[in-house]
Amino acid sequence: MKRQFKTIVTIALIFTSTSIFAQDGSVRTVFKRGVMTSGGYGAVTNQFTTIRGKYANIASLYGGWFINHRFMIGAAMGSTTNNIHVPQQYSADPVRDLSYEYGHFGLMTEYVIGSDQPIHLVVNLMTGAGFTLQYERSGYHNSGYQDDVHDQNWFFVAEPGVQLEMNLFKWMRLSPGVSYRRSFGSNGSGLDDKDISAVSYNATLKFGKF
C-alpha cells in the first residue's frame, strides 16, 4: 500500500512539474517575468469640497513617473480659488473683509487597475503639508491679492481617493472621482481639523505616456 502511494505521489509530482514547464518553457514565479516599462503623465484637476461647511473650489496639478502601467509616483499641489468669508469673530482684522485660503503640496501616488481597459479604476493618495491663511480679497471676479496675509497655519494633510478613469485617447484620460481630505494639527483661527477635513468630488484630465 505504501509503495502504491509513493508511486502515485511521484507520478503526480512529475505530471505537475511537466505541466508547469510546458506552459511557456519556464517555471512561473511570484513576481511576473518580463521587461518593466514606464512612462509619465501630468494631471489638472478641479475639486468641489467644503471648508468650515462652506463651498470651496480647489484647483490642483499633479504628475509623475508611471511604472509598468500600474503605479504612479510624483508630486501634487493645489489651492482654493473662490472667496471663503472669514467670520468676524475669527478675523485677524475685523475692520477688513478677509477670506480664507487653503492650499497643499506633497507626495502623490496612484495605482491604476487595468490601465489598458477603456474604463477602469484608479486609487490614489496625496500626503504632505497643508496650510491656511487669511487675506483681503479685492472681489469675487478679481484674483488679485494684497501683499499682507494673516494667521498662517501649517499642518499635515492626507487625502485618499478613487477615480473612474476613461481612456479618451492614447495620450489623454478623463478621471472623475471622489476623495476624503483629512488634516492633522490645524490650529488656525476658526479652522481646526474638523473644519478642514471633508469629502471632495473632482474632475481630472491626464496627459502623457500611459
Protein backbone atom coordinates (compact mmCIF):
# COMPACT_ATOMS: atom_id res chain seq x y z
CA MET A 1 0.00 0.00 0.00
CA LYS A 2 2.82 2.38 0.92
CA ARG A 3 4.61 1.55 -2.32
CA GLN A 4 1.48 2.32 -4.36
CA PHE A 5 1.03 5.63 -2.50
CA LYS A 6 4.63 6.64 -3.19
CA THR A 7 4.20 5.72 -6.84
CA ILE A 8 1.04 7.86 -7.14
CA VAL A 9 2.72 10.84 -5.43
CA THR A 10 5.78 10.51 -7.69
CA ILE A 11 3.61 10.41 -10.83
CA ALA A 12 1.59 13.41 -9.62
CA LEU A 13 4.74 15.45 -8.96
CA ILE A 14 6.18 14.57 -12.36
CA PHE A 15 2.90 15.48 -14.08
CA THR A 16 2.65 18.81 -12.20
CA SER A 17 6.25 19.74 -12.98
CA THR A 18 5.81 18.84 -16.65
CA SER A 19 2.65 20.97 -16.86
CA ILE A 20 4.36 23.98 -15.33
CA PHE A 21 7.30 23.81 -17.73
CA ALA A 22 5.06 23.04 -20.71
CA GLN A 23 3.15 26.30 -20.33
CA ASP A 24 5.95 28.53 -21.52
CA GLY A 25 9.15 26.58 -21.04
CA SER A 26 9.96 28.07 -17.63
CA VAL A 27 8.81 27.95 -14.04
CA ARG A 28 6.28 30.64 -13.07
CA THR A 29 7.31 32.70 -10.07
CA VAL A 30 5.56 35.01 -7.63
CA PHE A 31 6.90 38.07 -9.43
CA LYS A 32 5.80 38.45 -13.02
CA ARG A 33 8.56 37.98 -15.55
CA GLY A 34 9.19 40.42 -18.34
CA VAL A 35 10.68 43.82 -19.03
CA MET A 36 9.39 46.64 -16.88
CA THR A 37 8.04 49.56 -18.89
CA SER A 38 7.46 53.10 -17.72
CA GLY A 39 6.10 56.43 -18.83
CA GLY A 40 4.76 59.51 -17.16
CA TYR A 41 1.83 61.87 -17.07
CA GLY A 42 0.59 65.14 -15.65
CA ALA A 43 -2.90 65.98 -14.46
CA VAL A 44 -5.07 69.05 -13.97
CA THR A 45 -7.90 68.58 -11.53
CA ASN A 46 -10.67 70.65 -10.01
CA GLN A 47 -12.10 69.68 -6.64
CA PHE A 48 -15.50 70.62 -5.27
CA THR A 49 -15.45 70.47 -1.48
CA THR A 50 -16.17 72.42 1.71
CA ILE A 51 -14.14 74.29 4.33
CA ARG A 52 -15.93 75.23 7.55
CA GLY A 53 -19.07 73.88 5.88
CA LYS A 54 -18.82 76.47 3.07
CA TYR A 55 -18.27 75.66 -0.60
CA ALA A 56 -14.61 75.60 -1.61
CA ASN A 57 -13.17 75.18 -5.11
CA ILE A 58 -9.64 73.74 -5.21
CA ALA A 59 -7.59 73.78 -8.43
CA SER A 60 -4.71 71.30 -8.43
CA LEU A 61 -1.84 69.99 -10.53
CA TYR A 62 -0.08 66.68 -10.11
CA GLY A 63 2.01 64.23 -12.06
CA GLY A 64 4.96 61.88 -12.02
CA TRP A 65 6.59 58.66 -13.18
CA PHE A 66 4.19 55.91 -14.33
CA ILE A 67 5.75 52.49 -13.66
CA ASN A 68 4.76 49.35 -15.57
CA HIS A 69 1.31 50.74 -16.49
CA ARG A 70 0.24 50.39 -12.86
CA PHE A 71 1.87 52.71 -10.35
CA MET A 72 2.47 56.45 -10.50
CA ILE A 73 4.67 58.29 -8.01
CA GLY A 74 5.10 62.04 -8.16
CA ALA A 75 4.09 65.35 -6.61
CA ALA A 76 0.93 67.42 -6.23
CA MET A 77 -0.03 70.98 -5.37
CA GLY A 78 -3.31 72.88 -5.16
CA SER A 79 -5.18 75.77 -3.54
CA THR A 80 -8.62 77.31 -3.25
CA THR A 81 -9.78 79.76 -5.91
CA ASN A 82 -13.03 81.15 -4.51
CA ASN A 83 -13.93 83.53 -1.71
CA ILE A 84 -14.41 81.83 1.68
CA HIS A 85 -15.51 84.58 4.04
CA VAL A 86 -13.86 84.76 7.46
CA PRO A 87 -16.49 85.30 10.20
CA GLN A 88 -15.84 88.48 12.14
CA GLN A 89 -15.18 86.65 15.41
CA TYR A 90 -12.29 84.77 13.74
CA SER A 91 -10.96 87.63 11.62
CA ALA A 92 -7.39 88.78 12.15
CA ASP A 93 -8.54 92.28 11.17
CA PRO A 94 -12.30 92.74 11.81
CA VAL A 95 -12.47 96.09 10.01
CA ARG A 96 -11.47 94.42 6.73
CA ASP A 97 -13.31 91.81 4.66
CA LEU A 98 -10.95 88.83 4.87
CA SER A 99 -11.13 85.48 3.11
CA TYR A 100 -9.66 82.09 3.99
CA GLU A 101 -7.23 80.42 1.62
CA TYR A 102 -6.38 76.72 1.79
CA GLY A 103 -3.51 75.02 -0.03
CA HIS A 104 -1.47 71.82 -0.04
CA PHE A 105 1.59 70.23 -1.65
CA GLY A 106 3.35 66.90 -1.26
CA LEU A 107 3.71 63.33 -2.47
CA MET A 108 1.14 61.92 -4.91
CA THR A 109 0.74 58.20 -5.66
CA GLU A 110 -1.77 56.39 -7.88
CA TYR A 111 -2.42 52.71 -8.53
CA VAL A 112 -4.20 52.01 -11.83
CA ILE A 113 -6.25 48.82 -12.11
CA GLY A 114 -6.49 47.65 -15.73
CA SER A 115 -4.81 50.62 -17.40
CA ASP A 116 -5.25 49.11 -20.89
CA GLN A 117 -9.05 48.86 -20.50
CA PRO A 118 -11.21 51.71 -21.90
CA ILE A 119 -12.79 52.26 -18.46
CA HIS A 120 -11.02 51.26 -15.26
CA LEU A 121 -10.41 52.18 -11.62
CA VAL A 122 -7.67 54.26 -10.04
CA VAL A 123 -6.92 54.56 -6.32
CA ASN A 124 -4.71 57.42 -5.17
CA LEU A 125 -3.25 59.11 -2.12
CA MET A 126 -1.87 62.61 -1.58
CA THR A 127 0.17 63.21 1.59
CA GLY A 128 2.08 66.31 2.55
CA ALA A 129 1.85 69.80 4.00
CA GLY A 130 -1.32 71.85 4.13
CA PHE A 131 -1.77 75.49 5.04
CA THR A 132 -4.46 78.10 5.61
CA LEU A 133 -4.25 81.86 5.89
CA GLN A 134 -6.43 84.95 5.88
CA TYR A 135 -6.10 87.59 3.19
CA GLU A 136 -8.05 90.53 1.81
CA ARG A 137 -9.67 89.61 -1.48
CA SER A 138 -10.47 92.52 -3.78
CA GLY A 139 -13.61 90.83 -5.13
CA TYR A 140 -15.24 87.67 -6.45
CA HIS A 141 -14.26 88.49 -10.05
CA ASN A 142 -10.74 89.66 -9.30
CA SER A 143 -7.99 87.24 -8.37
CA GLY A 144 -5.69 89.95 -7.01
CA TYR A 145 -4.26 89.54 -3.53
CA GLN A 146 -2.87 92.04 -1.04
CA ASP A 147 0.76 91.58 -0.03
CA ASP A 148 -0.12 91.09 3.63
CA VAL A 149 -1.53 87.82 4.93
CA HIS A 150 -2.66 86.86 8.41
CA ASP A 151 -2.98 83.82 10.66
CA GLN A 152 -0.74 81.48 8.67
CA ASN A 153 -1.41 77.93 9.79
CA TRP A 154 0.53 74.79 8.78
CA PHE A 155 -0.41 71.15 9.31
CA PHE A 156 -0.15 67.63 7.87
CA VAL A 157 -2.77 66.54 5.34
CA ALA A 158 -3.66 63.19 3.77
CA GLU A 159 -6.22 62.65 1.02
CA PRO A 160 -7.04 59.13 -0.24
CA GLY A 161 -9.38 58.82 -3.21
CA VAL A 162 -10.75 56.71 -6.03
CA GLN A 163 -11.40 57.58 -9.69
CA LEU A 164 -13.33 56.02 -12.57
CA GLU A 165 -10.91 56.57 -15.43
CA MET A 166 -11.75 56.67 -19.15
CA ASN A 167 -9.14 56.41 -21.92
CA LEU A 168 -10.21 59.14 -24.36
CA PHE A 169 -7.03 58.92 -26.45
CA LYS A 170 -3.70 57.14 -26.04
CA TRP A 171 -2.31 60.33 -24.53
CA MET A 172 -5.36 61.68 -22.67
CA ARG A 173 -7.64 60.37 -19.93
CA LEU A 174 -10.70 61.69 -18.09
CA SER A 175 -10.91 60.68 -14.43
CA PRO A 176 -13.87 61.85 -12.32
CA GLY A 177 -13.62 60.75 -8.71
CA VAL A 178 -14.15 61.27 -5.02
CA SER A 179 -11.69 61.65 -2.13
CA TYR A 180 -11.59 62.48 1.55
CA ARG A 181 -9.27 65.20 2.86
CA ARG A 182 -8.07 64.82 6.46
CA SER A 183 -5.91 67.34 8.26
CA PHE A 184 -3.83 66.76 11.38
CA GLY A 185 -2.69 69.60 13.65
CA SER A 186 -4.54 72.60 12.22
CA ASN A 187 -4.97 75.43 14.72
CA GLY A 188 -5.95 78.38 12.54
CA SER A 189 -8.46 80.90 13.84
CA GLY A 190 -11.83 79.25 13.19
CA LEU A 191 -10.15 76.39 11.35
CA ASP A 192 -9.47 73.25 13.34
CA ASP A 193 -9.09 69.77 11.82
CA LYS A 194 -12.83 69.08 11.58
CA ASP A 195 -13.34 72.36 9.70
CA ILE A 196 -10.76 71.45 7.04
CA SER A 197 -11.47 67.72 6.74
CA ALA A 198 -14.16 66.97 4.14
CA VAL A 199 -15.22 64.92 1.14
CA SER A 200 -14.12 66.22 -2.28
CA TYR A 201 -15.62 65.50 -5.68
CA ASN A 202 -13.25 66.06 -8.57
CA ALA A 203 -12.90 66.09 -12.34
CA THR A 204 -9.41 65.33 -13.67
CA LEU A 205 -7.76 65.35 -17.07
CA LYS A 206 -4.47 63.47 -17.50
CA PHE A 207 -1.97 63.92 -20.32
CA GLY A 208 1.11 61.86 -21.06
CA LYS A 209 2.58 58.47 -21.87
CA PHE A 210 0.48 55.77 -20.25
